[in-house]
Amino acid sequence: MNEDTKAKIDTLLTDAMNAEAQAKKFYIEAAAKASSNAGKNLFNELADFEQGHYDRLQRIIEARGKGLNLAGITAPQKIPTKSEVEGQFEPNKDEIVSVLTLGIEAEKKARAKYLEISKMFDDEESKAIFINMAEEERKHQSILEDQFYSISNKGTIIWGD
């Protein structure tokens, strides 16, 4: 890998880390806007996932700085799937729909960025790390799309125990 590629990867990783921090802040603010416990729980868990991505990127940047192999970087926690038939009514529906729409677009962009980064690595283990992160962003997008559908059509959020 040449120095230009290394520098571009470092810039993309730093940008991705900043994006994860902003996403966490976005979801924390969204949790404050939700009226239902299900909405608060959903957005707080998404904020936690974003923190996990931030931490993982930080470990990757540190490993690269030390010339270490990225294979030892552990995957973030698994994203739970919620398949409840009934959800909690969300009185703040319009605000939450706006938040979900913005979140869906942000997850799409994050996924594209991780796929772009994956293509810059020569070794399969490093590529796999970023492909995995892209897949997690796709799962976040899917969660948000499910919630968007539920709140738009039923006025409920289907998240929680």
N, C-alpha and C. Protein backbone atom coordinates (compact mmCIF):
# COMPACT_ATOMS: atom_id res chain seq x y z
N MET A 1 0.86 -1.17 0.00
CA MET A 1 0.00 0.00 0.00
C MET A 1 0.91 1.24 0.00
N ASN A 2 0.66 2.15 -0.93
CA ASN A 2 1.50 3.34 -1.01
C ASN A 2 1.09 4.39 0.03
N GLU A 3 1.92 5.41 0.20
CA GLU A 3 1.69 6.43 1.23
C GLU A 3 0.42 7.24 0.97
N ASP A 4 0.10 7.50 -0.30
CA ASP A 4 -1.14 8.24 -0.61
C ASP A 4 -2.37 7.46 -0.17
N THR A 5 -2.36 6.15 -0.43
CA THR A 5 -3.48 5.31 -0.02
C THR A 5 -3.59 5.26 1.49
N LYS A 6 -2.45 5.12 2.17
CA LYS A 6 -2.45 5.10 3.64
C LYS A 6 -3.03 6.40 4.19
N ALA A 7 -2.62 7.53 3.63
CA ALA A 7 -3.11 8.83 4.09
C ALA A 7 -4.61 8.97 3.84
N LYS A 8 -5.08 8.49 2.68
CA LYS A 8 -6.50 8.57 2.37
C LYS A 8 -7.31 7.69 3.33
N ILE A 9 -6.80 6.49 3.63
CA ILE A 9 -7.48 5.62 4.58
C ILE A 9 -7.55 6.28 5.95
N ASP A 10 -6.43 6.87 6.39
CA ASP A 10 -6.41 7.56 7.69
C ASP A 10 -7.45 8.68 7.73
N THR A 11 -7.56 9.44 6.66
CA THR A 11 -8.54 10.52 6.59
C THR A 11 -9.96 9.96 6.63
N LEU A 12 -10.21 8.90 5.86
CA LEU A 12 -11.54 8.29 5.86
C LEU A 12 -11.90 7.71 7.23
N LEU A 13 -10.93 7.10 7.89
CA LEU A 13 -11.18 6.55 9.22
C LEU A 13 -11.51 7.66 10.22
N THR A 14 -10.76 8.74 10.17
CA THR A 14 -11.02 9.87 11.07
C THR A 14 -12.39 10.47 10.78
N ASP A 15 -12.71 10.63 9.50
CA ASP A 15 -14.03 11.15 9.13
C ASP A 15 -15.13 10.21 9.62
N ALA A 16 -14.92 8.90 9.48
CA ALA A 16 -15.92 7.93 9.92
C ALA A 16 -16.08 7.99 11.44
N MET A 17 -14.98 8.15 12.15
CA MET A 17 -15.04 8.26 13.61
C MET A 17 -15.85 9.49 14.02
N ASN A 18 -15.60 10.62 13.35
CA ASN A 18 -16.38 11.83 13.63
C ASN A 18 -17.85 11.63 13.30
N ALA A 19 -18.14 10.93 12.21
CA ALA A 19 -19.53 10.66 11.83
C ALA A 19 -20.22 9.79 12.87
N GLU A 20 -19.50 8.81 13.42
CA GLU A 20 -20.08 7.96 14.47
C GLU A 20 -20.39 8.78 15.72
N ALA A 21 -19.51 9.71 16.07
CA ALA A 21 -19.75 10.57 17.23
C ALA A 21 -20.98 11.45 17.00
N GLN A 22 -21.11 11.97 15.78
CA GLN A 22 -22.28 12.79 15.46
C GLN A 22 -23.56 11.95 15.46
N ALA A 23 -23.46 10.72 14.97
CA ALA A 23 -24.63 9.84 14.96
C ALA A 23 -25.07 9.53 16.39
N LYS A 24 -24.11 9.29 17.27
CA LYS A 24 -24.46 9.05 18.68
C LYS A 24 -25.20 10.25 19.25
N LYS A 25 -24.68 11.44 19.01
CA LYS A 25 -25.32 12.66 19.50
C LYS A 25 -26.74 12.78 18.91
N PHE A 26 -26.88 12.50 17.63
CA PHE A 26 -28.17 12.57 16.95
C PHE A 26 -29.18 11.65 17.63
N TYR A 27 -28.77 10.40 17.93
CA TYR A 27 -29.69 9.44 18.53
C TYR A 27 -30.00 9.79 19.99
N ILE A 28 -29.05 10.35 20.70
CA ILE A 28 -29.32 10.80 22.07
C ILE A 28 -30.37 11.91 22.05
N GLU A 29 -30.22 12.84 21.11
CA GLU A 29 -31.21 13.92 20.97
C GLU A 29 -32.57 13.36 20.54
N ALA A 30 -32.55 12.34 19.68
CA ALA A 30 -33.81 11.71 19.24
C ALA A 30 -34.49 11.04 20.42
N ALA A 31 -33.72 10.40 21.30
CA ALA A 31 -34.30 9.76 22.49
C ALA A 31 -35.01 10.79 23.36
N ALA A 32 -34.45 11.98 23.44
CA ALA A 32 -35.06 13.04 24.25
C ALA A 32 -36.38 13.51 23.62
N LYS A 33 -36.50 13.41 22.30
CA LYS A 33 -37.72 13.86 21.61
C LYS A 33 -38.83 12.82 21.66
N ALA A 34 -38.47 11.56 21.84
CA ALA A 34 -39.48 10.49 21.86
C ALA A 34 -40.28 10.58 23.16
N SER A 35 -41.56 10.36 23.06
CA SER A 35 -42.42 10.38 24.24
C SER A 35 -42.60 8.98 24.82
N SER A 36 -42.60 7.97 23.97
CA SER A 36 -42.82 6.61 24.45
C SER A 36 -41.51 6.01 24.96
N ASN A 37 -41.61 5.07 25.88
CA ASN A 37 -40.43 4.36 26.37
C ASN A 37 -39.78 3.57 25.25
N ALA A 38 -40.59 3.00 24.35
CA ALA A 38 -40.06 2.23 23.23
C ALA A 38 -39.18 3.13 22.35
N GLY A 39 -39.64 4.34 22.08
CA GLY A 39 -38.86 5.29 21.27
C GLY A 39 -37.57 5.67 21.96
N LYS A 40 -37.66 5.97 23.25
CA LYS A 40 -36.45 6.31 24.02
C LYS A 40 -35.46 5.16 24.01
N ASN A 41 -35.96 3.94 24.23
CA ASN A 41 -35.08 2.77 24.25
C ASN A 41 -34.43 2.52 22.88
N LEU A 42 -35.21 2.64 21.82
CA LEU A 42 -34.70 2.45 20.47
C LEU A 42 -33.53 3.39 20.21
N PHE A 43 -33.75 4.67 20.42
CA PHE A 43 -32.72 5.65 20.09
C PHE A 43 -31.52 5.57 21.04
N ASN A 44 -31.75 5.24 22.30
CA ASN A 44 -30.62 5.06 23.21
C ASN A 44 -29.77 3.85 22.82
N GLU A 45 -30.41 2.77 22.39
CA GLU A 45 -29.65 1.60 21.93
C GLU A 45 -28.87 1.92 20.66
N LEU A 46 -29.48 2.66 19.75
CA LEU A 46 -28.76 3.06 18.54
C LEU A 46 -27.57 3.95 18.88
N ALA A 47 -27.72 4.83 19.87
CA ALA A 47 -26.60 5.66 20.32
C ALA A 47 -25.48 4.78 20.86
N ASP A 48 -25.85 3.74 21.60
CA ASP A 48 -24.85 2.80 22.12
C ASP A 48 -24.12 2.08 20.98
N PHE A 49 -24.86 1.68 19.95
CA PHE A 49 -24.23 1.02 18.80
C PHE A 49 -23.23 1.95 18.13
N GLU A 50 -23.61 3.21 17.99
CA GLU A 50 -22.71 4.18 17.36
C GLU A 50 -21.45 4.37 18.21
N GLN A 51 -21.61 4.37 19.53
CA GLN A 51 -20.44 4.46 20.40
C GLN A 51 -19.53 3.25 20.20
N GLY A 52 -20.14 2.08 20.02
CA GLY A 52 -19.35 0.87 19.74
C GLY A 52 -18.56 0.99 18.45
N HIS A 53 -19.18 1.57 17.42
CA HIS A 53 -18.47 1.79 16.16
C HIS A 53 -17.33 2.78 16.35
N TYR A 54 -17.60 3.84 17.09
CA TYR A 54 -16.57 4.85 17.37
C TYR A 54 -15.37 4.20 18.05
N ASP A 55 -15.64 3.40 19.07
CA ASP A 55 -14.58 2.73 19.83
C ASP A 55 -13.79 1.78 18.92
N ARG A 56 -14.50 1.08 18.07
CA ARG A 56 -13.83 0.13 17.16
C ARG A 56 -12.93 0.88 16.18
N LEU A 57 -13.42 1.98 15.63
CA LEU A 57 -12.60 2.78 14.72
C LEU A 57 -11.37 3.34 15.43
N GLN A 58 -11.55 3.74 16.67
CA GLN A 58 -10.42 4.25 17.44
C GLN A 58 -9.35 3.16 17.60
N ARG A 59 -9.77 1.94 17.88
CA ARG A 59 -8.82 0.82 18.00
C ARG A 59 -8.13 0.54 16.66
N ILE A 60 -8.87 0.68 15.57
CA ILE A 60 -8.28 0.46 14.24
C ILE A 60 -7.22 1.52 13.96
N ILE A 61 -7.54 2.78 14.24
CA ILE A 61 -6.58 3.87 14.02
C ILE A 61 -5.34 3.66 14.87
N GLU A 62 -5.52 3.28 16.13
CA GLU A 62 -4.37 3.02 17.01
C GLU A 62 -3.54 1.86 16.48
N ALA A 63 -4.18 0.79 16.03
CA ALA A 63 -3.45 -0.37 15.52
C ALA A 63 -2.66 0.00 14.26
N ARG A 64 -3.28 0.77 13.39
CA ARG A 64 -2.59 1.19 12.16
C ARG A 64 -1.39 2.06 12.50
N GLY A 65 -1.54 2.93 13.49
CA GLY A 65 -0.43 3.80 13.89
C GLY A 65 0.75 3.03 14.44
N LYS A 66 0.47 1.88 15.00
CA LYS A 66 1.54 1.03 15.56
C LYS A 66 1.99 -0.03 14.57
N GLY A 67 1.40 -0.01 13.36
CA GLY A 67 1.77 -0.99 12.35
C GLY A 67 1.26 -2.39 12.65
N LEU A 68 0.20 -2.49 13.46
CA LEU A 68 -0.34 -3.80 13.84
C LEU A 68 -1.36 -4.29 12.82
N ASN A 69 -1.57 -5.58 12.81
CA ASN A 69 -2.58 -6.21 11.96
C ASN A 69 -3.96 -5.87 12.53
N LEU A 70 -4.91 -5.59 11.68
CA LEU A 70 -6.25 -5.21 12.12
C LEU A 70 -7.11 -6.41 12.48
N ALA A 71 -6.64 -7.60 12.22
CA ALA A 71 -7.45 -8.80 12.42
C ALA A 71 -7.91 -8.96 13.87
N GLY A 72 -7.17 -8.43 14.82
CA GLY A 72 -7.53 -8.57 16.22
C GLY A 72 -8.60 -7.61 16.70
N ILE A 73 -9.05 -6.73 15.84
CA ILE A 73 -10.07 -5.75 16.23
C ILE A 73 -11.41 -6.48 16.31
N THR A 74 -12.00 -6.46 17.49
CA THR A 74 -13.23 -7.22 17.70
C THR A 74 -14.44 -6.50 17.11
N ALA A 75 -15.42 -7.30 16.74
CA ALA A 75 -16.66 -6.77 16.18
C ALA A 75 -17.51 -6.17 17.29
N PRO A 76 -18.29 -5.13 16.97
CA PRO A 76 -19.20 -4.56 17.96
C PRO A 76 -20.29 -5.56 18.34
N GLN A 77 -21.02 -5.20 19.38
CA GLN A 77 -22.06 -6.11 19.85
C GLN A 77 -23.09 -6.37 18.76
N LYS A 78 -23.75 -7.49 18.88
CA LYS A 78 -24.79 -7.86 17.93
C LYS A 78 -25.99 -6.92 18.09
N ILE A 79 -26.63 -6.64 17.00
CA ILE A 79 -27.81 -5.79 17.01
C ILE A 79 -29.02 -6.67 17.24
N PRO A 80 -29.77 -6.42 18.31
CA PRO A 80 -30.95 -7.26 18.56
C PRO A 80 -32.03 -6.99 17.51
N THR A 81 -32.80 -7.99 17.24
CA THR A 81 -33.94 -7.79 16.35
C THR A 81 -35.20 -7.87 17.19
N LYS A 82 -36.12 -7.00 16.94
CA LYS A 82 -37.38 -6.94 17.68
C LYS A 82 -38.49 -7.30 16.71
N SER A 83 -39.28 -8.26 17.07
CA SER A 83 -40.33 -8.71 16.15
C SER A 83 -41.69 -8.70 16.83
N GLU A 84 -41.95 -7.67 17.58
CA GLU A 84 -43.22 -7.61 18.30
C GLU A 84 -44.34 -7.18 17.36
N VAL A 85 -45.52 -7.73 17.60
CA VAL A 85 -46.68 -7.38 16.79
C VAL A 85 -47.25 -6.05 17.24
N GLU A 86 -47.27 -5.82 18.53
CA GLU A 86 -47.82 -4.57 19.05
C GLU A 86 -46.71 -3.70 19.57
N GLY A 87 -46.88 -2.41 19.46
CA GLY A 87 -45.87 -1.48 19.94
C GLY A 87 -46.49 -0.43 20.84
N GLN A 88 -45.66 0.50 21.27
CA GLN A 88 -46.14 1.59 22.11
C GLN A 88 -46.52 2.77 21.24
N PHE A 89 -47.64 3.38 21.56
CA PHE A 89 -48.09 4.56 20.84
C PHE A 89 -47.10 5.69 21.10
N GLU A 90 -46.73 6.40 20.04
CA GLU A 90 -45.79 7.52 20.15
C GLU A 90 -46.55 8.81 19.86
N PRO A 91 -46.84 9.61 20.91
CA PRO A 91 -47.58 10.86 20.70
C PRO A 91 -46.84 11.89 19.86
N ASN A 92 -45.53 11.79 19.82
CA ASN A 92 -44.70 12.75 19.10
C ASN A 92 -44.36 12.21 17.70
N LYS A 93 -45.36 11.67 17.04
CA LYS A 93 -45.19 10.93 15.79
C LYS A 93 -44.46 11.72 14.70
N ASP A 94 -44.88 12.93 14.40
CA ASP A 94 -44.28 13.68 13.29
C ASP A 94 -42.80 13.96 13.52
N GLU A 95 -42.45 14.32 14.75
CA GLU A 95 -41.05 14.58 15.07
C GLU A 95 -40.22 13.31 14.91
N ILE A 96 -40.74 12.19 15.37
CA ILE A 96 -40.03 10.92 15.29
C ILE A 96 -39.89 10.46 13.84
N VAL A 97 -40.91 10.68 13.01
CA VAL A 97 -40.82 10.35 11.59
C VAL A 97 -39.69 11.14 10.94
N SER A 98 -39.55 12.41 11.29
CA SER A 98 -38.46 13.24 10.75
C SER A 98 -37.10 12.70 11.19
N VAL A 99 -37.01 12.34 12.46
CA VAL A 99 -35.76 11.78 12.99
C VAL A 99 -35.42 10.48 12.27
N LEU A 100 -36.40 9.61 12.10
CA LEU A 100 -36.16 8.33 11.44
C LEU A 100 -35.70 8.53 9.99
N THR A 101 -36.32 9.48 9.30
CA THR A 101 -35.94 9.76 7.91
C THR A 101 -34.48 10.20 7.83
N LEU A 102 -34.08 11.11 8.70
CA LEU A 102 -32.69 11.56 8.72
C LEU A 102 -31.75 10.42 9.10
N GLY A 103 -32.15 9.62 10.05
CA GLY A 103 -31.34 8.48 10.47
C GLY A 103 -31.14 7.47 9.36
N ILE A 104 -32.18 7.19 8.61
CA ILE A 104 -32.09 6.23 7.49
C ILE A 104 -31.06 6.71 6.47
N GLU A 105 -31.12 7.97 6.12
CA GLU A 105 -30.16 8.52 5.16
C GLU A 105 -28.74 8.49 5.70
N ALA A 106 -28.57 8.78 6.98
CA ALA A 106 -27.24 8.75 7.59
C ALA A 106 -26.67 7.33 7.59
N GLU A 107 -27.50 6.34 7.85
CA GLU A 107 -27.04 4.95 7.85
C GLU A 107 -26.63 4.52 6.44
N LYS A 108 -27.37 4.97 5.43
CA LYS A 108 -27.01 4.65 4.05
C LYS A 108 -25.63 5.22 3.71
N LYS A 109 -25.39 6.47 4.11
CA LYS A 109 -24.11 7.12 3.82
C LYS A 109 -22.97 6.42 4.57
N ALA A 110 -23.21 6.04 5.82
CA ALA A 110 -22.18 5.35 6.60
C ALA A 110 -21.83 4.02 5.95
N ARG A 111 -22.85 3.31 5.51
CA ARG A 111 -22.61 2.02 4.85
C ARG A 111 -21.74 2.21 3.60
N ALA A 112 -22.06 3.20 2.79
CA ALA A 112 -21.29 3.46 1.57
C ALA A 112 -19.84 3.81 1.91
N LYS A 113 -19.64 4.59 2.97
CA LYS A 113 -18.28 4.97 3.36
C LYS A 113 -17.48 3.75 3.78
N TYR A 114 -18.06 2.85 4.57
CA TYR A 114 -17.34 1.66 5.00
C TYR A 114 -17.01 0.74 3.83
N LEU A 115 -17.91 0.64 2.87
CA LEU A 115 -17.63 -0.17 1.69
C LEU A 115 -16.49 0.46 0.87
N GLU A 116 -16.48 1.78 0.80
CA GLU A 116 -15.39 2.48 0.11
C GLU A 116 -14.05 2.21 0.80
N ILE A 117 -14.04 2.29 2.12
CA ILE A 117 -12.81 2.03 2.87
C ILE A 117 -12.36 0.58 2.65
N SER A 118 -13.30 -0.36 2.66
CA SER A 118 -12.94 -1.78 2.51
C SER A 118 -12.18 -2.04 1.22
N LYS A 119 -12.53 -1.31 0.18
CA LYS A 119 -11.90 -1.52 -1.13
C LYS A 119 -10.46 -1.02 -1.18
N MET A 120 -10.07 -0.25 -0.19
CA MET A 120 -8.73 0.33 -0.19
C MET A 120 -7.68 -0.59 0.44
N PHE A 121 -8.12 -1.65 1.08
CA PHE A 121 -7.18 -2.57 1.73
C PHE A 121 -6.83 -3.72 0.80
N ASP A 122 -5.59 -4.16 0.91
CA ASP A 122 -5.12 -5.28 0.11
C ASP A 122 -5.46 -6.63 0.74
N ASP A 123 -5.42 -6.68 2.07
CA ASP A 123 -5.63 -7.96 2.74
C ASP A 123 -7.11 -8.19 3.05
N GLU A 124 -7.51 -9.45 2.96
CA GLU A 124 -8.92 -9.82 3.12
C GLU A 124 -9.43 -9.59 4.55
N GLU A 125 -8.57 -9.77 5.54
CA GLU A 125 -9.01 -9.58 6.93
C GLU A 125 -9.40 -8.12 7.19
N SER A 126 -8.59 -7.19 6.69
CA SER A 126 -8.91 -5.77 6.87
C SER A 126 -10.16 -5.41 6.09
N LYS A 127 -10.28 -5.91 4.86
CA LYS A 127 -11.49 -5.65 4.06
C LYS A 127 -12.72 -6.13 4.82
N ALA A 128 -12.60 -7.33 5.40
CA ALA A 128 -13.74 -7.94 6.09
C ALA A 128 -14.21 -7.09 7.27
N ILE A 129 -13.29 -6.44 7.97
CA ILE A 129 -13.66 -5.59 9.09
C ILE A 129 -14.62 -4.50 8.63
N PHE A 130 -14.29 -3.86 7.52
CA PHE A 130 -15.10 -2.74 7.05
C PHE A 130 -16.37 -3.20 6.33
N ILE A 131 -16.31 -4.35 5.71
CA ILE A 131 -17.53 -4.92 5.12
C ILE A 131 -18.50 -5.27 6.25
N ASN A 132 -17.97 -5.79 7.36
CA ASN A 132 -18.81 -6.09 8.52
C ASN A 132 -19.44 -4.82 9.08
N MET A 133 -18.65 -3.74 9.17
CA MET A 133 -19.21 -2.48 9.67
C MET A 133 -20.29 -1.95 8.72
N ALA A 134 -20.08 -2.11 7.42
CA ALA A 134 -21.09 -1.69 6.45
C ALA A 134 -22.37 -2.49 6.64
N GLU A 135 -22.23 -3.78 6.92
CA GLU A 135 -23.40 -4.63 7.15
C GLU A 135 -24.15 -4.19 8.41
N GLU A 136 -23.41 -3.80 9.43
CA GLU A 136 -24.08 -3.31 10.64
C GLU A 136 -24.83 -2.02 10.37
N GLU A 137 -24.29 -1.16 9.53
CA GLU A 137 -25.01 0.07 9.16
C GLU A 137 -26.28 -0.27 8.38
N ARG A 138 -26.19 -1.32 7.55
CA ARG A 138 -27.38 -1.75 6.81
C ARG A 138 -28.44 -2.25 7.79
N LYS A 139 -28.00 -2.96 8.84
CA LYS A 139 -28.95 -3.43 9.85
C LYS A 139 -29.58 -2.25 10.59
N HIS A 140 -28.77 -1.24 10.91
CA HIS A 140 -29.33 -0.03 11.55
C HIS A 140 -30.38 0.59 10.64
N GLN A 141 -30.05 0.68 9.34
CA GLN A 141 -31.00 1.24 8.37
C GLN A 141 -32.30 0.44 8.37
N SER A 142 -32.18 -0.87 8.39
CA SER A 142 -33.35 -1.73 8.37
C SER A 142 -34.21 -1.53 9.63
N ILE A 143 -33.55 -1.43 10.78
CA ILE A 143 -34.27 -1.16 12.03
C ILE A 143 -35.05 0.14 11.92
N LEU A 144 -34.39 1.18 11.43
CA LEU A 144 -35.05 2.48 11.31
C LEU A 144 -36.19 2.43 10.30
N GLU A 145 -36.00 1.71 9.20
CA GLU A 145 -37.07 1.59 8.20
C GLU A 145 -38.27 0.85 8.77
N ASP A 146 -38.02 -0.19 9.56
CA ASP A 146 -39.13 -0.90 10.21
C ASP A 146 -39.89 0.02 11.15
N GLN A 147 -39.15 0.82 11.92
CA GLN A 147 -39.79 1.75 12.84
C GLN A 147 -40.56 2.83 12.08
N PHE A 148 -39.97 3.31 10.98
CA PHE A 148 -40.63 4.31 10.15
C PHE A 148 -41.96 3.79 9.64
N TYR A 149 -41.95 2.55 9.15
CA TYR A 149 -43.18 1.94 8.65
C TYR A 149 -44.22 1.85 9.75
N SER A 150 -43.80 1.37 10.92
CA SER A 150 -44.74 1.17 12.02
C SER A 150 -45.34 2.49 12.50
N ILE A 151 -44.48 3.48 12.69
CA ILE A 151 -45.00 4.74 13.22
C ILE A 151 -45.82 5.48 12.17
N SER A 152 -45.43 5.37 10.90
CA SER A 152 -46.18 6.04 9.84
C SER A 152 -47.56 5.42 9.64
N ASN A 153 -47.64 4.11 9.77
CA ASN A 153 -48.89 3.41 9.49
C ASN A 153 -49.75 3.13 10.72
N LYS A 154 -49.10 2.96 11.87
CA LYS A 154 -49.84 2.60 13.07
C LYS A 154 -49.71 3.60 14.21
N GLY A 155 -48.72 4.51 14.09
CA GLY A 155 -48.49 5.47 15.16
C GLY A 155 -47.76 4.87 16.37
N THR A 156 -47.16 3.68 16.16
CA THR A 156 -46.50 3.01 17.27
C THR A 156 -45.03 2.73 16.95
N ILE A 157 -44.24 2.60 18.00
CA ILE A 157 -42.86 2.15 17.88
C ILE A 157 -42.81 0.74 18.42
N ILE A 158 -42.22 -0.17 17.65
CA ILE A 158 -42.18 -1.58 18.03
C ILE A 158 -40.78 -1.94 18.52
N TRP A 159 -40.37 -1.40 19.62
CA TRP A 159 -39.03 -1.65 20.16
C TRP A 159 -39.15 -1.85 21.64
N GLY A 160 -38.36 -2.72 22.16
CA GLY A 160 -38.31 -2.93 23.61
C GLY A 160 -38.63 -4.36 23.98
N ASP A 161 -38.61 -4.59 25.27
CA ASP A 161 -38.82 -5.95 25.79
C ASP A 161 -40.28 -6.30 25.83
